[in-house]
Amino acid sequence: MADMERVPDEPVTFIEKMMSIQGDIPMDDTNWEMIELVAETLQTLEPEHKLLLEMRFYHRYPYSKITALMRYSSKSVAWYNVQRALDQLRTALVANKEIIERYI
């Protein structure tokens, strides 16, 4: 029931939470390595998924603006497609050999 009450703009997944952190983040060598691995993995995504993640997490566009820009029929469609992009990123990250060796 809690999922039904969740507002789509709230970060839920690990990647959403990482991307929504604001403020000072200590940047040691490990953090930079992870950022580099995630950035490289982002480049392997489908162009639409890269664009959706950029709009949502880099530009911090609300789902209403993503809906208008992508010409989706509703905010729920925008939310669903952002979730699909996150799933594709998560799958690519888990399959990345360097990430497996270093972090798993």
C-alpha atoms as a PDB file:
ATOM      1  CA  MET A   1       0.000   0.000   0.000  1.00  0.00           C
ATOM      2  CA  ALA A   2       2.918   2.343   0.666  1.00  0.00           C
ATOM      3  CA  ASP A   3       3.932   2.144  -3.020  1.00  0.00           C
ATOM      4  CA  MET A   4       0.481   3.323  -4.037  1.00  0.00           C
ATOM      5  CA  GLU A   5       0.902   6.435  -1.887  1.00  0.00           C
ATOM      6  CA  ARG A   6       4.389   7.258  -3.188  1.00  0.00           C
ATOM      7  CA  VAL A   7       4.735  10.409  -5.237  1.00  0.00           C
ATOM      8  CA  PRO A   8       6.639   9.681  -8.494  1.00  0.00           C
ATOM      9  CA  ASP A   9       9.097  12.532  -7.804  1.00  0.00           C
ATOM     10  CA  GLU A  10      10.485  10.820  -4.684  1.00  0.00           C
ATOM     11  CA  PRO A  11      13.719   8.855  -5.256  1.00  0.00           C
ATOM     12  CA  VAL A  12      13.268   5.147  -4.576  1.00  0.00           C
ATOM     13  CA  THR A  13      16.026   3.148  -6.176  1.00  0.00           C
ATOM     14  CA  PHE A  14      19.665   3.277  -5.104  1.00  0.00           C
ATOM     15  CA  ILE A  15      20.651   5.060  -8.303  1.00  0.00           C
ATOM     16  CA  GLU A  16      17.857   7.630  -7.927  1.00  0.00           C
ATOM     17  CA  LYS A  17      18.972   8.311  -4.358  1.00  0.00           C
ATOM     18  CA  MET A  18      22.622   8.636  -5.433  1.00  0.00           C
ATOM     19  CA  MET A  19      21.691  11.042  -8.202  1.00  0.00           C
ATOM     20  CA  SER A  20      19.487  13.165  -5.959  1.00  0.00           C
ATOM     21  CA  ILE A  21      22.105  13.776  -3.239  1.00  0.00           C
ATOM     22  CA  GLN A  22      22.839  17.469  -2.860  1.00  0.00           C
ATOM     23  CA  GLY A  23      25.530  19.247  -0.941  1.00  0.00           C
ATOM     24  CA  ASP A  24      29.111  18.356  -0.241  1.00  0.00           C
ATOM     25  CA  ILE A  25      30.054  14.803  -1.100  1.00  0.00           C
ATOM     26  CA  PRO A  26      33.569  13.740  -0.138  1.00  0.00           C
ATOM     27  CA  MET A  27      35.404  12.925  -3.350  1.00  0.00           C
ATOM     28  CA  ASP A  28      38.102  10.396  -2.607  1.00  0.00           C
ATOM     29  CA  ASP A  29      39.667   8.148  -5.244  1.00  0.00           C
ATOM     30  CA  THR A  30      37.006   5.475  -4.818  1.00  0.00           C
ATOM     31  CA  ASN A  31      34.157   7.925  -5.435  1.00  0.00           C
ATOM     32  CA  TRP A  32      35.795   9.228  -8.591  1.00  0.00           C
ATOM     33  CA  GLU A  33      36.337   5.692  -9.833  1.00  0.00           C
ATOM     34  CA  MET A  34      32.667   4.878  -9.285  1.00  0.00           C
ATOM     35  CA  ILE A  35      31.557   8.100 -10.974  1.00  0.00           C
ATOM     36  CA  GLU A  36      33.755   7.275 -13.951  1.00  0.00           C
ATOM     37  CA  LEU A  37      32.354   3.734 -14.179  1.00  0.00           C
ATOM     38  CA  VAL A  38      28.767   4.991 -14.015  1.00  0.00           C
ATOM     39  CA  ALA A  39      29.500   7.681 -16.644  1.00  0.00           C
ATOM     40  CA  GLU A  40      31.047   5.093 -18.971  1.00  0.00           C
ATOM     41  CA  THR A  41      28.088   2.780 -18.446  1.00  0.00           C
ATOM     42  CA  LEU A  42      25.628   5.605 -19.164  1.00  0.00           C
ATOM     43  CA  GLN A  43      27.202   5.939 -22.610  1.00  0.00           C
ATOM     44  CA  THR A  44      26.163   2.359 -23.432  1.00  0.00           C
ATOM     45  CA  LEU A  45      22.450   3.037 -22.886  1.00  0.00           C
ATOM     46  CA  GLU A  46      19.918   3.620 -25.613  1.00  0.00           C
ATOM     47  CA  PRO A  47      19.801   7.318 -26.631  1.00  0.00           C
ATOM     48  CA  GLU A  48      16.257   7.812 -25.295  1.00  0.00           C
ATOM     49  CA  HIS A  49      17.206   6.321 -21.930  1.00  0.00           C
ATOM     50  CA  LYS A  50      20.307   8.510 -21.687  1.00  0.00           C
ATOM     51  CA  LEU A  51      18.175  11.557 -22.476  1.00  0.00           C
ATOM     52  CA  LEU A  52      15.556  10.636 -19.879  1.00  0.00           C
ATOM     53  CA  LEU A  53      18.163  10.156 -17.154  1.00  0.00           C
ATOM     54  CA  GLU A  54      19.856  13.420 -18.111  1.00  0.00           C
ATOM     55  CA  MET A  55      16.577  15.333 -17.952  1.00  0.00           C
ATOM     56  CA  ARG A  56      15.507  13.779 -14.677  1.00  0.00           C
ATOM     57  CA  PHE A  57      18.766  13.720 -12.712  1.00  0.00           C
ATOM     58  CA  TYR A  58      21.119  16.235 -14.327  1.00  0.00           C
ATOM     59  CA  HIS A  59      18.643  18.973 -15.198  1.00  0.00           C
ATOM     60  CA  ARG A  60      16.263  17.909 -12.392  1.00  0.00           C
ATOM     61  CA  TYR A  61      13.218  18.315 -14.595  1.00  0.00           C
ATOM     62  CA  PRO A  62       9.938  17.339 -12.960  1.00  0.00           C
ATOM     63  CA  TYR A  63       7.964  14.557 -14.603  1.00  0.00           C
ATOM     64  CA  SER A  64       5.495  17.132 -15.949  1.00  0.00           C
ATOM     65  CA  LYS A  65       8.255  18.807 -17.975  1.00  0.00           C
ATOM     66  CA  ILE A  66       9.627  15.454 -19.184  1.00  0.00           C
ATOM     67  CA  THR A  67       6.080  14.548 -20.248  1.00  0.00           C
ATOM     68  CA  ALA A  68       5.811  17.708 -22.333  1.00  0.00           C
ATOM     69  CA  LEU A  69       9.299  17.469 -23.850  1.00  0.00           C
ATOM     70  CA  MET A  70       8.996  13.798 -24.755  1.00  0.00           C
ATOM     71  CA  ARG A  71       5.335  14.191 -25.796  1.00  0.00           C
ATOM     72  CA  TYR A  72       4.166  11.423 -23.494  1.00  0.00           C
ATOM     73  CA  SER A  73       0.464  11.086 -22.752  1.00  0.00           C
ATOM     74  CA  SER A  74       0.849  11.492 -18.972  1.00  0.00           C
ATOM     75  CA  LYS A  75       3.308  11.944 -16.118  1.00  0.00           C
ATOM     76  CA  SER A  76       2.902   8.278 -15.243  1.00  0.00           C
ATOM     77  CA  VAL A  77       4.202   7.343 -18.704  1.00  0.00           C
ATOM     78  CA  ALA A  78       7.212   9.620 -18.144  1.00  0.00           C
ATOM     79  CA  TRP A  79       7.798   8.064 -14.715  1.00  0.00           C
ATOM     80  CA  TYR A  80       7.524   4.549 -16.186  1.00  0.00           C
ATOM     81  CA  ASN A  81      10.058   5.337 -18.926  1.00  0.00           C
ATOM     82  CA  VAL A  82      12.510   6.861 -16.448  1.00  0.00           C
ATOM     83  CA  GLN A  83      12.176   3.671 -14.381  1.00  0.00           C
ATOM     84  CA  ARG A  84      12.901   1.583 -17.491  1.00  0.00           C
ATOM     85  CA  ALA A  85      16.009   3.710 -18.142  1.00  0.00           C
ATOM     86  CA  LEU A  86      17.129   3.183 -14.527  1.00  0.00           C
ATOM     87  CA  ASP A  87      16.557  -0.552 -14.888  1.00  0.00           C
ATOM     88  CA  GLN A  88      18.670  -0.592 -18.049  1.00  0.00           C
ATOM     89  CA  LEU A  89      21.421   1.342 -16.246  1.00  0.00           C
ATOM     90  CA  ARG A  90      21.245  -0.983 -13.238  1.00  0.00           C
ATOM     91  CA  THR A  91      21.498  -4.053 -15.473  1.00  0.00           C
ATOM     92  CA  ALA A  92      24.474  -2.589 -17.332  1.00  0.00           C
ATOM     93  CA  LEU A  93      26.211  -1.649 -14.072  1.00  0.00           C
ATOM     94  CA  VAL A  94      25.750  -5.109 -12.575  1.00  0.00           C
ATOM     95  CA  ALA A  95      27.117  -6.668 -15.771  1.00  0.00           C
ATOM     96  CA  ASN A  96      30.168  -4.372 -15.808  1.00  0.00           C
ATOM     97  CA  LYS A  97      33.242  -6.495 -15.123  1.00  0.00           C
ATOM     98  CA  GLU A  98      35.120  -3.679 -13.332  1.00  0.00           C
ATOM     99  CA  ILE A  99      32.219  -3.054 -10.960  1.00  0.00           C
ATOM    100  CA  ILE A 100      31.905  -6.768 -10.219  1.00  0.00           C
ATOM    101  CA  GLU A 101      35.621  -6.983  -9.414  1.00  0.00           C
ATOM    102  CA  ARG A 102      35.711  -3.849  -7.245  1.00  0.00           C
ATOM    103  CA  TYR A 103      32.366  -3.622  -5.506  1.00  0.00           C
ATOM    104  CA  ILE A 104      30.542  -6.933  -5.568  1.00  0.00           C
END
